[in-house]
C-alpha atoms as a PDB file:
ATOM      1  CA  MET A   1     -92.058 -40.455  24.327  1.00  0.00           C
ATOM      2  CA  SER A   2     -89.870 -43.029  22.632  1.00  0.00           C
ATOM      3  CA  LYS A   3     -90.990 -41.775  19.213  1.00  0.00           C
ATOM      4  CA  LYS A   4     -89.894 -38.245  20.083  1.00  0.00           C
ATOM      5  CA  VAL A   5     -86.503 -39.458  21.262  1.00  0.00           C
ATOM      6  CA  GLY A   6     -86.038 -41.500  18.102  1.00  0.00           C
ATOM      7  CA  SER A   7     -87.001 -38.572  15.922  1.00  0.00           C
ATOM      8  CA  ALA A   8     -84.511 -36.326  17.741  1.00  0.00           C
ATOM      9  CA  LEU A   9     -81.741 -38.862  17.326  1.00  0.00           C
ATOM     10  CA  ALA A  10     -82.514 -39.185  13.636  1.00  0.00           C
ATOM     11  CA  LYS A  11     -82.302 -35.429  13.188  1.00  0.00           C
ATOM     12  CA  THR A  12     -79.025 -35.336  15.126  1.00  0.00           C
ATOM     13  CA  GLY A  13     -77.585 -38.054  12.920  1.00  0.00           C
ATOM     14  CA  ARG A  14     -78.561 -36.226   9.762  1.00  0.00           C
ATOM     15  CA  LEU A  15     -76.994 -33.007  11.085  1.00  0.00           C
ATOM     16  CA  SER A  16     -73.774 -34.845  11.937  1.00  0.00           C
ATOM     17  CA  LEU A  17     -73.590 -36.312   8.450  1.00  0.00           C
ATOM     18  CA  LEU A  18     -74.210 -32.887   6.961  1.00  0.00           C
ATOM     19  CA  LEU A  19     -71.498 -31.355   9.148  1.00  0.00           C
ATOM     20  CA  VAL A  20     -69.004 -34.052   8.161  1.00  0.00           C
ATOM     21  CA  ALA A  21     -69.823 -33.485   4.511  1.00  0.00           C
ATOM     22  CA  LEU A  22     -69.302 -29.745   4.843  1.00  0.00           C
ATOM     23  CA  ILE A  23     -65.975 -30.215   6.645  1.00  0.00           C
ATOM     24  CA  PHE A  24     -64.793 -32.652   3.971  1.00  0.00           C
ATOM     25  CA  ALA A  25     -65.802 -30.284   1.193  1.00  0.00           C
ATOM     26  CA  ALA A  26     -64.097 -27.354   2.868  1.00  0.00           C
ATOM     27  CA  SER A  27     -60.901 -29.299   3.509  1.00  0.00           C
ATOM     28  CA  THR A  28     -60.818 -30.486  -0.095  1.00  0.00           C
ATOM     29  CA  ALA A  29     -61.255 -26.950  -1.371  1.00  0.00           C
ATOM     30  CA  PHE A  30     -58.528 -25.661   0.981  1.00  0.00           C
ATOM     31  CA  ALA A  31     -56.142 -28.432  -0.008  1.00  0.00           C
ATOM     32  CA  SER A  32     -56.505 -27.583  -3.660  1.00  0.00           C
ATOM     33  CA  LYS A  33     -55.702 -23.906  -2.992  1.00  0.00           C
ATOM     34  CA  ILE A  34     -52.460 -23.963  -0.940  1.00  0.00           C
ATOM     35  CA  ALA A  35     -50.686 -21.310  -3.033  1.00  0.00           C
ATOM     36  CA  THR A  36     -51.936 -17.778  -3.458  1.00  0.00           C
ATOM     37  CA  VAL A  37     -50.642 -17.555  -7.045  1.00  0.00           C
ATOM     38  CA  ASP A  38     -50.703 -19.866 -10.009  1.00  0.00           C
ATOM     39  CA  ILE A  39     -47.223 -20.510 -11.465  1.00  0.00           C
ATOM     40  CA  PRO A  40     -46.897 -23.141 -14.167  1.00  0.00           C
ATOM     41  CA  VAL A  41     -44.531 -25.960 -13.289  1.00  0.00           C
ATOM     42  CA  LYS A  42     -41.505 -26.237 -15.619  1.00  0.00           C
ATOM     43  CA  ALA A  43     -39.739 -29.401 -14.619  1.00  0.00           C
ATOM     44  CA  ASP A  44     -37.484 -29.242 -17.694  1.00  0.00           C
ATOM     45  CA  LEU A  45     -35.593 -26.374 -16.062  1.00  0.00           C
ATOM     46  CA  TYR A  46     -34.224 -28.890 -13.579  1.00  0.00           C
ATOM     47  CA  ALA A  47     -33.472 -31.664 -16.006  1.00  0.00           C
ATOM     48  CA  THR A  48     -29.742 -30.818 -16.299  1.00  0.00           C
ATOM     49  CA  THR A  49     -26.849 -30.364 -13.875  1.00  0.00           C
ATOM     50  CA  PRO A  50     -25.753 -26.695 -13.937  1.00  0.00           C
ATOM     51  CA  ALA A  51     -22.136 -25.676 -14.459  1.00  0.00           C
ATOM     52  CA  PRO A  52     -20.354 -23.949 -11.538  1.00  0.00           C
ATOM     53  CA  LEU A  53     -20.711 -20.183 -11.372  1.00  0.00           C
ATOM     54  CA  SER A  54     -18.102 -18.246 -13.302  1.00  0.00           C
ATOM     55  CA  THR A  55     -16.226 -15.275 -11.839  1.00  0.00           C
ATOM     56  CA  THR A  56     -18.214 -12.942 -14.073  1.00  0.00           C
ATOM     57  CA  GLN A  57     -21.478 -14.389 -12.778  1.00  0.00           C
ATOM     58  CA  CYS A  58     -20.343 -13.884  -9.177  1.00  0.00           C
ATOM     59  CA  ALA A  59     -19.530 -10.285 -10.052  1.00  0.00           C
ATOM     60  CA  GLN A  60     -23.107  -9.602 -11.156  1.00  0.00           C
ATOM     61  CA  CYS A  61     -24.093  -9.488  -7.478  1.00  0.00           C
ATOM     62  CA  HIS A  62     -20.762  -8.949  -5.729  1.00  0.00           C
ATOM     63  CA  THR A  63     -19.769  -5.873  -7.706  1.00  0.00           C
ATOM     64  CA  SER A  64     -17.669  -4.196  -4.999  1.00  0.00           C
ATOM     65  CA  VAL A  65     -15.719  -7.394  -4.348  1.00  0.00           C
ATOM     66  CA  PHE A  66     -15.071  -7.797  -8.059  1.00  0.00           C
ATOM     67  CA  GLY A  67     -13.914  -4.172  -8.251  1.00  0.00           C
ATOM     68  CA  SER A  68     -11.461  -4.679  -5.384  1.00  0.00           C
ATOM     69  CA  LEU A  69     -10.007  -7.754  -7.045  1.00  0.00           C
ATOM     70  CA  LYS A  70      -9.851  -6.066 -10.425  1.00  0.00           C
ATOM     71  CA  ASN A  71      -8.007  -2.987  -9.172  1.00  0.00           C
ATOM     72  CA  ASN A  72      -6.005  -4.244  -6.197  1.00  0.00           C
ATOM     73  CA  GLY A  73      -6.361  -8.017  -6.102  1.00  0.00           C
ATOM     74  CA  GLY A  74      -2.740  -8.800  -6.869  1.00  0.00           C
ATOM     75  CA  ARG A  75      -2.161 -12.552  -6.865  1.00  0.00           C
ATOM     76  CA  HIS A  76      -5.664 -13.141  -5.495  1.00  0.00           C
ATOM     77  CA  ARG A  77      -7.126 -12.596  -8.953  1.00  0.00           C
ATOM     78  CA  PHE A  78      -8.216 -16.147  -9.714  1.00  0.00           C
ATOM     79  CA  ASP A  79     -11.481 -18.102  -9.779  1.00  0.00           C
ATOM     80  CA  CYS A  80     -13.669 -17.249  -6.762  1.00  0.00           C
ATOM     81  CA  GLN A  81     -14.354 -20.889  -5.941  1.00  0.00           C
ATOM     82  CA  GLN A  82     -10.676 -21.591  -5.406  1.00  0.00           C
ATOM     83  CA  CYS A  83     -11.271 -19.999  -1.992  1.00  0.00           C
ATOM     84  CA  HIS A  84     -15.060 -20.090  -1.574  1.00  0.00           C
ATOM     85  CA  ASN A  85     -15.893 -23.792  -1.616  1.00  0.00           C
ATOM     86  CA  ALA A  86     -19.373 -23.290  -0.137  1.00  0.00           C
ATOM     87  CA  ILE A  87     -21.473 -20.594  -1.797  1.00  0.00           C
ATOM     88  CA  HIS A  88     -24.604 -18.963  -0.350  1.00  0.00           C
ATOM     89  CA  SER A  89     -24.568 -21.265   2.665  1.00  0.00           C
ATOM     90  CA  TYR A  90     -24.445 -18.608   5.352  1.00  0.00           C
ATOM     91  CA  ASN A  91     -27.323 -18.714   7.821  1.00  0.00           C
ATOM     92  CA  PRO A  92     -27.515 -16.078  10.576  1.00  0.00           C
ATOM     93  CA  LYS A  93     -29.442 -18.490  12.803  1.00  0.00           C
ATOM     94  CA  LYS A  94     -26.631 -21.027  12.527  1.00  0.00           C
ATOM     95  CA  GLY A  95     -23.904 -18.431  13.017  1.00  0.00           C
ATOM     96  CA  ASN A  96     -21.693 -20.261  10.540  1.00  0.00           C
ATOM     97  CA  TRP A  97     -19.870 -17.277   9.013  1.00  0.00           C
ATOM     98  CA  ASP A  98     -16.429 -18.131  10.422  1.00  0.00           C
ATOM     99  CA  GLU A  99     -16.878 -21.746   9.417  1.00  0.00           C
ATOM    100  CA  LEU A 100     -17.616 -20.825   5.796  1.00  0.00           C
ATOM    101  CA  MET A 101     -15.031 -18.094   5.249  1.00  0.00           C
ATOM    102  CA  PRO A 102     -11.727 -19.259   3.701  1.00  0.00           C
ATOM    103  CA  LYS A 103      -8.713 -19.487   5.983  1.00  0.00           C
ATOM    104  CA  CYS A 104      -5.463 -17.785   4.966  1.00  0.00           C
ATOM    105  CA  SER A 105      -3.517 -20.763   6.283  1.00  0.00           C
ATOM    106  CA  SER A 106      -5.059 -23.003   3.629  1.00  0.00           C
ATOM    107  CA  CYS A 107      -2.747 -21.318   1.093  1.00  0.00           C
ATOM    108  CA  HIS A 108      -0.232 -19.233   3.048  1.00  0.00           C
ATOM    109  CA  THR A 109       2.513 -20.038   5.517  1.00  0.00           C
ATOM    110  CA  ASP A 110       3.440 -17.794   8.447  1.00  0.00           C
ATOM    111  CA  VAL A 111       5.173 -15.367   6.110  1.00  0.00           C
ATOM    112  CA  HIS A 112       5.460 -12.705   8.827  1.00  0.00           C
ATOM    113  CA  GLY A 113       6.610 -15.082  11.533  1.00  0.00           C
ATOM    114  CA  PRO A 114       4.771 -16.957  14.284  1.00  0.00           C
ATOM    115  CA  ALA A 115       4.012 -13.732  16.170  1.00  0.00           C
ATOM    116  CA  ASN A 116       1.896 -12.334  13.324  1.00  0.00           C
ATOM    117  CA  LYS A 117      -0.782 -14.881  12.496  1.00  0.00           C
ATOM    118  CA  ASP A 118      -3.819 -12.611  12.657  1.00  0.00           C
ATOM    119  CA  CYS A 119      -3.747 -11.802   8.941  1.00  0.00           C
ATOM    120  CA  SER A 120      -6.927  -9.722   8.875  1.00  0.00           C
ATOM    121  CA  SER A 121      -5.577  -7.229  11.412  1.00  0.00           C
ATOM    122  CA  CYS A 122      -3.480  -5.806   8.563  1.00  0.00           C
ATOM    123  CA  HIS A 123      -4.932  -7.369   5.406  1.00  0.00           C
ATOM    124  CA  ALA A 124      -8.457  -6.257   6.257  1.00  0.00           C
ATOM    125  CA  ASN A 125      -9.767  -6.848   2.735  1.00  0.00           C
ATOM    126  CA  PRO A 126      -8.691 -10.228   1.308  1.00  0.00           C
ATOM    127  CA  HIS A 127      -9.938  -9.098  -2.107  1.00  0.00           C
ATOM    128  CA  ALA A 128      -7.384  -6.258  -2.047  1.00  0.00           C
ATOM    129  CA  PRO A 129      -4.585  -7.880  -0.033  1.00  0.00           C
ATOM    130  CA  CYS A 130      -1.955  -5.301  -0.948  1.00  0.00           C
ATOM    131  CA  MET A 131      -4.067  -2.384   0.280  1.00  0.00           C
ATOM    132  CA  VAL A 132      -2.866  -2.518   3.862  1.00  0.00           C
ATOM    133  CA  ALA A 133      -3.514   0.253   6.352  1.00  0.00           C
ATOM    134  CA  MET A 134      -1.018   1.091   9.086  1.00  0.00           C
ATOM    135  CA  PRO A 135      -2.672   0.145  12.378  1.00  0.00           C
ATOM    136  CA  PRO A 136      -0.596   0.398  15.581  1.00  0.00           C
ATOM    137  CA  ARG A 137       0.144  -3.314  15.513  1.00  0.00           C
ATOM    138  CA  LEU A 138       1.718  -3.125  12.074  1.00  0.00           C
ATOM    139  CA  THR A 139       3.589   0.077  12.865  1.00  0.00           C
ATOM    140  CA  ASN A 140       5.123  -1.535  15.933  1.00  0.00           C
ATOM    141  CA  THR A 141       6.286  -4.577  13.987  1.00  0.00           C
ATOM    142  CA  CYS A 142       7.609  -2.973  10.782  1.00  0.00           C
ATOM    143  CA  ALA A 143      11.151  -4.018  11.646  1.00  0.00           C
ATOM    144  CA  SER A 144      10.227  -7.704  11.729  1.00  0.00           C
ATOM    145  CA  CYS A 145      10.242  -7.566   7.920  1.00  0.00           C
ATOM    146  CA  HIS A 146      11.957  -4.252   7.222  1.00  0.00           C
ATOM    147  CA  ALA A 147      15.026  -4.595   9.423  1.00  0.00           C
ATOM    148  CA  ALA A 148      17.355  -2.556   7.189  1.00  0.00           C
ATOM    149  CA  PRO A 149      15.358   0.721   7.360  1.00  0.00           C
ATOM    150  CA  LYS A 150      15.148   0.456  11.143  1.00  0.00           C
ATOM    151  CA  ASN A 151      18.890  -0.166  11.393  1.00  0.00           C
ATOM    152  CA  ASP A 152      19.558   2.922   9.272  1.00  0.00           C
ATOM    153  CA  LEU A 153      17.263   5.080  11.397  1.00  0.00           C
ATOM    154  CA  VAL A 154      19.016   3.940  14.587  1.00  0.00           C
ATOM    155  CA  LYS A 155      22.589   3.984  13.280  1.00  0.00           C
ATOM    156  CA  PHE A 156      22.286   7.344  11.515  1.00  0.00           C
ATOM    157  CA  PRO A 157      20.082   9.567  13.719  1.00  0.00           C
ATOM    158  CA  SER A 158      18.162  12.359  12.047  1.00  0.00           C
ATOM    159  CA  LYS A 159      14.768  13.990  12.363  1.00  0.00           C
ATOM    160  CA  HIS A 160      13.437  11.043  10.388  1.00  0.00           C
ATOM    161  CA  SER A 161      14.449   8.803  13.298  1.00  0.00           C
ATOM    162  CA  LEU A 162      11.921  10.607  15.494  1.00  0.00           C
ATOM    163  CA  VAL A 163       8.991  10.008  13.138  1.00  0.00           C
ATOM    164  CA  SER A 164       6.756   6.945  13.354  1.00  0.00           C
ATOM    165  CA  CYS A 165       6.669   4.821  10.193  1.00  0.00           C
ATOM    166  CA  ASP A 166       2.965   5.468   9.628  1.00  0.00           C
ATOM    167  CA  LYS A 167       3.495   9.237   9.474  1.00  0.00           C
ATOM    168  CA  CYS A 168       5.024   8.767   6.036  1.00  0.00           C
ATOM    169  CA  HIS A 169       3.832   5.305   5.029  1.00  0.00           C
ATOM    170  CA  THR A 170       0.111   5.845   5.551  1.00  0.00           C
ATOM    171  CA  SER A 171      -0.616   2.447   4.017  1.00  0.00           C
ATOM    172  CA  HIS A 172       1.581  -0.587   3.606  1.00  0.00           C
ATOM    173  CA  GLY A 173       3.879  -0.228   0.621  1.00  0.00           C
ATOM    174  CA  PHE A 174       3.009   3.433   0.080  1.00  0.00           C
ATOM    175  CA  LYS A 175       6.047   5.608  -0.636  1.00  0.00           C
ATOM    176  CA  PRO A 176       5.295   9.297  -0.100  1.00  0.00           C
ATOM    177  CA  SER A 177       6.737  12.180  -2.036  1.00  0.00           C
ATOM    178  CA  CYS A 178       9.324  14.242  -0.187  1.00  0.00           C
ATOM    179  CA  SER A 179       7.187  17.266  -1.065  1.00  0.00           C
ATOM    180  CA  ALA A 180       4.683  16.184   1.598  1.00  0.00           C
ATOM    181  CA  CYS A 181       7.072  17.604   4.212  1.00  0.00           C
ATOM    182  CA  HIS A 182       9.997  19.242   2.428  1.00  0.00           C
ATOM    183  CA  LYS A 183      10.578  22.132   0.059  1.00  0.00           C
ATOM    184  CA  PRO A 184      12.822  21.715  -3.004  1.00  0.00           C
ATOM    185  CA  HIS A 185      16.454  22.836  -2.939  1.00  0.00           C
ATOM    186  CA  TYR A 186      15.814  25.114  -5.884  1.00  0.00           C
ATOM    187  CA  GLN A 187      12.841  26.201  -7.952  1.00  0.00           C
ATOM    188  CA  GLY A 188      11.824  23.588 -10.473  1.00  0.00           C
ATOM    189  CA  GLN A 189      13.653  20.699  -8.806  1.00  0.00           C
ATOM    190  CA  GLU A 190      11.921  17.375  -9.319  1.00  0.00           C
ATOM    191  CA  PHE A 191      11.193  15.691  -6.003  1.00  0.00           C
ATOM    192  CA  SER A 192      12.015  12.365  -7.603  1.00  0.00           C
ATOM    193  CA  THR A 193      15.681  13.411  -7.403  1.00  0.00           C
ATOM    194  CA  CYS A 194      15.721  13.769  -3.595  1.00  0.00           C
ATOM    195  CA  ALA A 195      16.522  10.159  -2.788  1.00  0.00           C
ATOM    196  CA  LYS A 196      19.488  10.183  -5.179  1.00  0.00           C
ATOM    197  CA  CYS A 197      21.346  12.238  -2.569  1.00  0.00           C
ATOM    198  CA  HIS A 198      19.372  11.683   0.631  1.00  0.00           C
ATOM    199  CA  PRO A 199      18.642   8.033   1.483  1.00  0.00           C
ATOM    200  CA  VAL A 200      15.266   8.438   3.163  1.00  0.00           C
ATOM    201  CA  HIS A 201      16.075   6.454   6.311  1.00  0.00           C
ATOM    202  CA  LYS A 202      19.493   8.095   6.751  1.00  0.00           C
ATOM    203  CA  PRO A 203      19.038  11.487   5.056  1.00  0.00           C
ATOM    204  CA  LYS A 204      22.196  13.025   6.515  1.00  0.00           C
ATOM    205  CA  GLN A 205      24.366  10.431   4.793  1.00  0.00           C
ATOM    206  CA  VAL A 206      24.366  12.434   1.586  1.00  0.00           C
ATOM    207  CA  THR A 207      25.740  10.771  -1.515  1.00  0.00           C
ATOM    208  CA  TYR A 208      25.516  11.914  -5.114  1.00  0.00           C
ATOM    209  CA  GLY A 209      26.817  11.451  -8.612  1.00  0.00           C
ATOM    210  CA  SER A 210      29.277  13.726 -10.359  1.00  0.00           C
ATOM    211  CA  ALA A 211      26.503  15.049 -12.611  1.00  0.00           C
ATOM    212  CA  GLU A 212      24.394  16.400  -9.734  1.00  0.00           C
ATOM    213  CA  PRO A 213      23.514  20.051 -10.598  1.00  0.00           C
ATOM    214  CA  ALA A 214      25.439  22.692  -8.669  1.00  0.00           C
ATOM    215  CA  ALA A 215      22.127  24.405  -7.916  1.00  0.00           C
ATOM    216  CA  THR A 216      21.329  21.526  -5.564  1.00  0.00           C
ATOM    217  CA  CYS A 217      24.407  22.328  -3.486  1.00  0.00           C
ATOM    218  CA  GLY A 218      23.679  26.041  -3.696  1.00  0.00           C
ATOM    219  CA  ALA A 219      20.412  25.631  -1.807  1.00  0.00           C
ATOM    220  CA  CYS A 220      22.395  25.224   1.425  1.00  0.00           C
ATOM    221  CA  HIS A 221      25.811  26.604   0.494  1.00  0.00           C
ATOM    222  CA  THR A 222      24.459  29.926  -0.737  1.00  0.00           C
ATOM    223  CA  LYS A 223      27.574  32.098  -0.250  1.00  0.00           C
ATOM    224  CA  VAL A 224      29.940  29.586  -1.797  1.00  0.00           C
ATOM    225  CA  TYR A 225      27.533  28.977  -4.669  1.00  0.00           C
ATOM    226  CA  ALA A 226      27.236  32.726  -5.357  1.00  0.00           C
ATOM    227  CA  LYS A 227      31.036  33.136  -5.486  1.00  0.00           C
ATOM    228  CA  TRP A 228      31.473  30.060  -7.673  1.00  0.00           C
ATOM    229  CA  LYS A 229      28.805  31.224 -10.081  1.00  0.00           C
ATOM    230  CA  ALA A 230      30.391  34.670 -10.458  1.00  0.00           C
ATOM    231  CA  THR A 231      34.067  33.685 -10.626  1.00  0.00           C
ATOM    232  CA  PRO A 232      35.880  34.349 -13.905  1.00  0.00           C
ATOM    233  CA  SER A 233      38.185  31.390 -13.288  1.00  0.00           C
ATOM    234  CA  ARG A 234      37.957  28.026 -14.975  1.00  0.00           C
ATOM    235  CA  HIS A 235      36.530  26.563 -11.783  1.00  0.00           C
ATOM    236  CA  ALA A 236      33.200  28.107 -12.776  1.00  0.00           C
ATOM    237  CA  LYS A 237      32.961  25.433 -15.446  1.00  0.00           C
ATOM    238  CA  VAL A 238      33.523  22.597 -12.982  1.00  0.00           C
ATOM    239  CA  ASN A 239      30.483  21.120 -11.266  1.00  0.00           C
ATOM    240  CA  CYS A 240      30.558  20.982  -7.441  1.00  0.00           C
ATOM    241  CA  ALA A 241      30.215  17.210  -7.394  1.00  0.00           C
ATOM    242  CA  ALA A 242      33.217  16.826  -9.691  1.00  0.00           C
ATOM    243  CA  CYS A 243      35.489  18.002  -6.861  1.00  0.00           C
ATOM    244  CA  HIS A 244      33.421  17.214  -3.764  1.00  0.00           C
ATOM    245  CA  ARG A 245      32.680  13.806  -5.130  1.00  0.00           C
ATOM    246  CA  ASP A 246      30.773  10.828  -3.802  1.00  0.00           C
ATOM    247  CA  LYS A 247      30.247  11.958  -0.221  1.00  0.00           C
ATOM    248  CA  HIS A 248      28.883  15.161   1.249  1.00  0.00           C
ATOM    249  CA  GLY A 249      31.503  17.171   3.124  1.00  0.00           C
ATOM    250  CA  TYR A 250      34.448  15.727   1.245  1.00  0.00           C
ATOM    251  CA  ILE A 251      37.174  18.362   0.685  1.00  0.00           C
ATOM    252  CA  PRO A 252      39.556  17.408  -2.115  1.00  0.00           C
ATOM    253  CA  GLN A 253      43.237  18.192  -2.384  1.00  0.00           C
ATOM    254  CA  CYS A 254      44.250  20.481  -5.235  1.00  0.00           C
ATOM    255  CA  THR A 255      46.743  17.886  -6.436  1.00  0.00           C
ATOM    256  CA  GLU A 256      43.905  15.486  -7.222  1.00  0.00           C
ATOM    257  CA  CYS A 257      43.322  17.547 -10.364  1.00  0.00           C
ATOM    258  CA  HIS A 258      46.419  19.752 -10.597  1.00  0.00           C
ATOM    259  CA  LYS A 259      49.490  17.542 -10.693  1.00  0.00           C
ATOM    260  CA  ALA A 260      52.527  19.656  -9.583  1.00  0.00           C
ATOM    261  CA  PRO A 261      51.455  22.829 -11.440  1.00  0.00           C
ATOM    262  CA  HIS A 262      54.526  24.773 -10.237  1.00  0.00           C
ATOM    263  CA  PRO A 263      58.250  24.033  -9.961  1.00  0.00           C
ATOM    264  CA  GLN A 264      59.255  22.070  -6.892  1.00  0.00           C
ATOM    265  CA  SER A 265      61.000  25.087  -5.381  1.00  0.00           C
ATOM    266  CA  ILE A 266      57.726  27.050  -5.409  1.00  0.00           C
ATOM    267  CA  LEU A 267      55.769  24.155  -3.944  1.00  0.00           C
ATOM    268  CA  GLU A 268      58.298  23.809  -1.128  1.00  0.00           C
ATOM    269  CA  LYS A 269      58.088  27.518  -0.360  1.00  0.00           C
ATOM    270  CA  PHE A 270      54.279  27.581  -0.554  1.00  0.00           C
ATOM    271  CA  PRO A 271      53.017  24.108   0.393  1.00  0.00           C
ATOM    272  CA  ASN A 272      49.472  25.422   0.883  1.00  0.00           C
ATOM    273  CA  CYS A 273      47.930  26.337  -2.472  1.00  0.00           C
ATOM    274  CA  LEU A 274      45.499  28.750  -0.857  1.00  0.00           C
ATOM    275  CA  SER A 275      48.358  30.916   0.359  1.00  0.00           C
ATOM    276  CA  CYS A 276      48.275  32.356  -3.141  1.00  0.00           C
ATOM    277  CA  HIS A 277      45.030  31.164  -4.648  1.00  0.00           C
ATOM    278  CA  LEU A 278      43.056  32.353  -1.610  1.00  0.00           C
ATOM    279  CA  ASP A 279      39.620  30.882  -2.412  1.00  0.00           C
ATOM    280  CA  VAL A 280      39.077  27.838  -4.587  1.00  0.00           C
ATOM    281  CA  HIS A 281      35.528  28.961  -5.374  1.00  0.00           C
ATOM    282  CA  ASP A 282      36.647  32.424  -6.503  1.00  0.00           C
ATOM    283  CA  LEU A 283      40.230  32.248  -7.692  1.00  0.00           C
ATOM    284  CA  PRO A 284      41.843  35.680  -8.205  1.00  0.00           C
ATOM    285  CA  SER A 285      42.209  36.647 -11.819  1.00  0.00           C
ATOM    286  CA  ALA A 286      45.744  36.986 -13.173  1.00  0.00           C
ATOM    287  CA  GLY A 287      45.593  40.787 -13.032  1.00  0.00           C
ATOM    288  CA  SER A 288      44.438  40.916  -9.401  1.00  0.00           C
ATOM    289  CA  GLN A 289      47.165  38.740  -7.878  1.00  0.00           C
ATOM    290  CA  THR A 290      49.696  40.452  -5.613  1.00  0.00           C
ATOM    291  CA  PRO A 291      53.299  39.979  -6.835  1.00  0.00           C
END
């Protein structure tokens, strides 16, 4: 009986040794095959300290950002790492986006006042800072920077006073053409000439230079313009703005150009020039005057 037990124990011992040997061999084989591919080690690639990324290198991946800076970056067109001190450090699990993104206050003061510190609400793209949309918040605070236009709109009421800023200025700094809403005074008129007479925020306060074409006036004053254009008198050679100068609606006195054209006795008898000359825009010819 004891011999059988000893023989069984001997067999068990040999099996245990065999099992240990197999486990050791398997673990050694597994340890030597951690990777699924064989890539040669090139330690020399890491022997030097690399130079910081250049702007052009950043652009190889961040093409849209580079394009925004190139076309509309304004004063933000400088080396990327002047703002981005930590590169490729964002980790969604850490939620560190806000921590990594540059803060406007690191370079800028409260240029729009203490009430407007949320820069990104208007400057949504820091890589194109001048491309500013017109959200309600900006529209409601235009006057905080642009006080003069608001004062004009209030002091000189017109239909423009009833229009919200963003109806014309669809983005910050955008100046629309008058043709978006208005027709020209005459065919072929350049819309760039509109603001020479009509200040956009007080369009009824019409001012103009003496060289302004008479056709501009004729767009509204059609009857007067037609008479002036057809008159045989010398007034046909005088531009409207030469008499009605500087300010719309100004009516000059004849003596501003004609200094005492008649003897004093005639002027005393007929103090009003139009008693004889009837219509300054269509003076009677010499043959048609009544004696």
